[in-house]
């Protein structure tokens, strides 16, 4: 028999076969790795007494590429992971998370141009902070697993720190963002680990 033509879409199909858990883990590894590279390249943006947020890395030539890759790859992996689900709570959370990551990235680039762009960026920033807290609460309740609680606590503490920074109590925006990022990452990964692609049931199956 003649050899069939090579499948040009084989790479995409291999990616699509990855489980929700693997995609979520890959996305979070990409996010923290590339943001970590950005911080290593210029730690002065966030490690100072009057620290700023990670958005500072999206407007400088030295850190633009790794910062963008972190957000883009995490968003793409989260969206792909959501497609592996059956439209459950985790899928919805992953889709919203993916969209907010892209909006955060897109609003970062021009936010120093004028006050309008800055306000848009602030609104998107507030939206993702609120989402990370709400998603942590909802997924912890939905999965009904005590293993998620430590990461939920991190999300709550991060939200409080970010909120007090926004209100001007102190300047610890990066700390708040870091705690929230670790919190939502842990909640997403452990929820995907627990369910392994299956919708949880509140009562034992009969």
Protein backbone atom coordinates (compact mmCIF):
# COMPACT_ATOMS: atom_id res chain seq x y z
CA UNK A 1 0.00 0.00 0.00
CA UNK A 2 1.26 3.55 -0.73
CA UNK A 3 2.47 5.46 2.27
CA UNK A 4 -0.06 8.03 3.45
CA UNK A 5 0.76 11.72 3.33
CA UNK A 6 2.26 13.01 6.62
CA UNK A 7 -0.31 14.59 8.87
CA UNK A 8 0.42 18.31 8.94
CA UNK A 9 -1.69 18.70 12.05
CA UNK A 10 -0.02 15.95 14.09
CA UNK A 11 1.70 18.45 16.41
CA UNK A 12 -1.60 20.10 17.25
CA UNK A 13 -3.24 16.72 17.81
CA UNK A 14 -0.46 15.68 20.20
CA UNK A 15 -1.08 18.84 22.21
CA UNK A 16 -4.83 18.30 22.18
CA UNK A 17 -4.34 14.82 23.66
CA UNK A 18 -2.70 16.21 26.78
CA UNK A 19 -4.83 15.95 29.88
CA UNK A 20 -6.30 18.93 31.68
CA UNK A 21 -3.84 18.41 34.52
CA UNK A 22 -0.76 18.37 32.29
CA UNK A 23 -1.87 21.47 30.40
CA UNK A 24 -2.58 23.38 33.61
CA UNK A 25 0.80 22.36 35.04
CA UNK A 26 2.65 23.31 31.84
CA UNK A 27 0.87 26.66 31.74
CA UNK A 28 1.78 27.50 35.33
CA UNK A 29 5.40 26.37 34.86
CA UNK A 30 5.66 28.67 31.83
CA UNK A 31 4.13 31.58 33.75
CA UNK A 32 6.39 31.33 36.79
CA UNK A 33 9.50 30.46 34.75
CA UNK A 34 9.24 33.41 32.38
CA UNK A 35 8.13 35.88 35.06
CA UNK A 36 11.04 34.58 37.14
CA UNK A 37 13.40 35.26 34.24
CA UNK A 38 12.01 38.79 33.98
CA UNK A 39 12.62 39.39 37.68
CA UNK A 40 16.14 37.98 37.43
CA UNK A 41 16.89 40.31 34.52
CA UNK A 42 15.72 43.37 36.45
CA UNK A 43 14.91 42.69 40.14
CA UNK A 44 14.82 46.42 40.88
CA UNK A 45 11.31 46.74 39.50
CA UNK A 46 9.73 44.84 42.37
CA UNK A 47 12.31 44.22 45.09
CA UNK A 48 12.43 47.66 46.66
CA UNK A 49 10.81 49.52 49.54
CA UNK A 50 8.21 51.10 47.25
CA UNK A 51 7.70 48.07 45.06
CA UNK A 52 5.67 48.12 41.88
CA UNK A 53 3.76 45.33 40.16
CA UNK A 54 4.84 42.78 37.59
CA UNK A 55 3.35 44.93 34.81
CA UNK A 56 6.58 46.93 34.90
CA UNK A 57 8.22 44.06 33.06
CA UNK A 58 5.86 44.40 30.10
CA UNK A 59 6.99 47.89 29.12
CA UNK A 60 10.77 47.49 29.06
CA UNK A 61 12.85 46.08 26.20
CA UNK A 62 14.97 43.83 28.42
CA UNK A 63 12.01 41.98 29.94
CA UNK A 64 9.30 42.40 27.30
CA UNK A 65 9.81 39.01 25.63
CA UNK A 66 9.92 36.68 28.68
CA UNK A 67 7.08 38.61 30.35
CA UNK A 68 4.90 38.26 27.25
CA UNK A 69 5.75 34.58 26.78
CA UNK A 70 4.79 33.82 30.38
CA UNK A 71 1.33 35.30 29.99
CA UNK A 72 0.70 34.03 26.45
CA UNK A 73 1.73 30.42 27.12
CA UNK A 74 -0.16 30.24 30.40
CA UNK A 75 -3.27 31.64 28.71
CA UNK A 76 -3.00 29.20 25.79
CA UNK A 77 -2.48 26.18 28.05
CA UNK A 78 -5.38 27.22 30.28
CA UNK A 79 -7.72 27.58 27.29
CA UNK A 80 -6.65 24.18 25.92
CA UNK A 81 -7.11 22.62 29.35
CA UNK A 82 -10.63 24.04 29.54
CA UNK A 83 -11.46 22.41 26.20
CA UNK A 84 -10.60 19.02 27.69
CA UNK A 85 -13.38 19.41 30.25
CA UNK A 86 -17.14 18.98 29.85
CA UNK A 87 -18.14 22.57 30.55
CA UNK A 88 -17.86 22.16 34.33
CA UNK A 89 -16.79 24.69 36.96
CA UNK A 90 -13.08 24.09 36.37
CA UNK A 91 -13.50 24.61 32.61
CA UNK A 92 -15.30 27.92 33.16
CA UNK A 93 -12.62 29.07 35.60
CA UNK A 94 -9.85 28.16 33.14
CA UNK A 95 -11.53 29.98 30.25
CA UNK A 96 -12.01 33.15 32.31
CA UNK A 97 -8.44 32.90 33.58
CA UNK A 98 -7.12 32.57 30.01
CA UNK A 99 -9.04 35.64 28.84
CA UNK A 100 -7.97 37.74 31.82
CA UNK A 101 -4.32 36.84 31.28
CA UNK A 102 -4.53 38.08 27.67
CA UNK A 103 -6.36 41.25 28.72
CA UNK A 104 -3.75 41.90 31.39
CA UNK A 105 -0.96 41.49 28.86
CA UNK A 106 -2.66 43.64 26.23
CA UNK A 107 -3.44 46.43 28.69
CA UNK A 108 0.11 46.39 30.06
CA UNK A 109 1.85 47.54 26.88
CA UNK A 110 0.20 51.00 26.54
CA UNK A 111 -0.63 51.76 30.17
CA UNK A 112 2.12 54.39 30.46
CA UNK A 113 0.85 56.29 27.38
CA UNK A 114 -1.93 58.26 29.05
CA UNK A 115 -4.42 58.19 31.92
CA UNK A 116 -7.10 56.40 29.87
CA UNK A 117 -4.90 53.40 29.15
CA UNK A 118 -3.72 53.40 32.74
CA UNK A 119 -7.33 53.28 34.00
CA UNK A 120 -8.08 50.38 31.63
CA UNK A 121 -5.04 48.52 32.96
CA UNK A 122 -6.08 49.17 36.56
CA UNK A 123 -9.61 47.90 35.86
CA UNK A 124 -8.24 44.72 34.25
CA UNK A 125 -5.83 44.33 37.18
CA UNK A 126 -8.67 44.57 39.67
CA UNK A 127 -10.69 42.08 37.62
CA UNK A 128 -7.97 39.41 37.65
CA UNK A 129 -7.28 39.92 41.38
CA UNK A 130 -10.99 39.51 42.19
CA UNK A 131 -11.21 36.51 39.86
CA UNK A 132 -8.26 34.76 41.50
CA UNK A 133 -9.87 35.13 44.91
CA UNK A 134 -13.38 34.10 43.79
CA UNK A 135 -12.07 31.20 41.68
CA UNK A 136 -10.01 29.94 44.62
CA UNK A 137 -13.08 30.06 46.87
CA UNK A 138 -15.42 28.43 44.35
CA UNK A 139 -13.02 25.66 43.26
CA UNK A 140 -12.11 24.82 46.85
CA UNK A 141 -15.79 24.45 47.67
CA UNK A 142 -16.50 22.55 44.44
CA UNK A 143 -13.64 20.08 44.79
CA UNK A 144 -14.32 19.62 48.52
CA UNK A 145 -10.68 18.85 49.26
CA UNK A 146 -8.73 20.05 52.29
CA UNK A 147 -5.54 19.98 50.18
CA UNK A 148 -6.70 23.17 48.45
CA UNK A 149 -7.15 25.14 51.68
CA UNK A 150 -3.49 26.30 52.07
CA UNK A 151 -3.60 27.75 48.55
CA UNK A 152 -6.96 29.34 49.26
CA UNK A 153 -5.41 31.01 52.30
CA UNK A 154 -2.59 32.34 50.09
CA UNK A 155 -5.16 33.79 47.70
CA UNK A 156 -7.06 35.47 50.53
CA UNK A 157 -3.88 36.96 52.03
CA UNK A 158 -2.71 38.09 48.59
CA UNK A 159 -6.07 39.72 47.92
CA UNK A 160 -5.92 41.61 51.22
CA UNK A 161 -2.35 42.77 50.58
CA UNK A 162 -3.18 43.88 47.02
CA UNK A 163 -6.36 45.59 48.21
CA UNK A 164 -4.61 47.51 50.99
CA UNK A 165 -1.90 48.53 48.52
CA UNK A 166 -4.58 49.83 46.15
CA UNK A 167 -6.09 51.83 49.01
CA UNK A 168 -2.67 53.31 49.81
CA UNK A 169 -2.05 51.62 53.17
CA UNK A 170 1.38 50.46 51.97
CA UNK A 171 3.21 49.55 48.76
CA UNK A 172 3.36 45.77 48.49
CA UNK A 173 1.66 45.21 45.14
CA UNK A 174 4.12 42.60 43.90
CA UNK A 175 3.82 40.61 47.12
CA UNK A 176 0.04 40.57 46.80
CA UNK A 177 0.25 39.55 43.13
CA UNK A 178 2.78 36.82 43.93
CA UNK A 179 0.64 35.33 46.69
CA UNK A 180 -2.46 35.39 44.49
CA UNK A 181 -0.56 33.80 41.58
CA UNK A 182 0.75 30.96 43.75
CA UNK A 183 -2.67 30.54 45.34
CA UNK A 184 -4.66 30.24 42.11
CA UNK A 185 -1.95 28.03 40.55
CA UNK A 186 -2.16 25.59 43.44
CA UNK A 187 -5.95 25.56 43.41
CA UNK A 188 -6.15 24.96 39.65
CA UNK A 189 -3.53 22.20 39.67
CA UNK A 190 -4.92 20.36 42.68
CA UNK A 191 -8.48 20.61 41.37
CA UNK A 192 -7.36 19.13 38.05
CA UNK A 193 -5.35 16.48 39.93
CA UNK A 194 -8.29 15.48 42.09
CA UNK A 195 -10.82 15.31 39.29
CA UNK A 196 -8.51 14.02 36.54
CA UNK A 197 -10.93 15.22 33.90
CA UNK A 198 -14.10 14.10 35.69
CA UNK A 199 -16.83 16.27 37.15
CA UNK A 200 -16.93 15.82 40.94
CA UNK A 201 -20.00 14.34 42.56
CA UNK A 202 -21.27 15.61 45.91
CA UNK A 203 -22.71 12.19 46.72
CA UNK A 204 -21.27 8.71 46.09
CA UNK A 205 -22.18 7.17 42.74
CA UNK A 206 -24.84 4.50 42.92
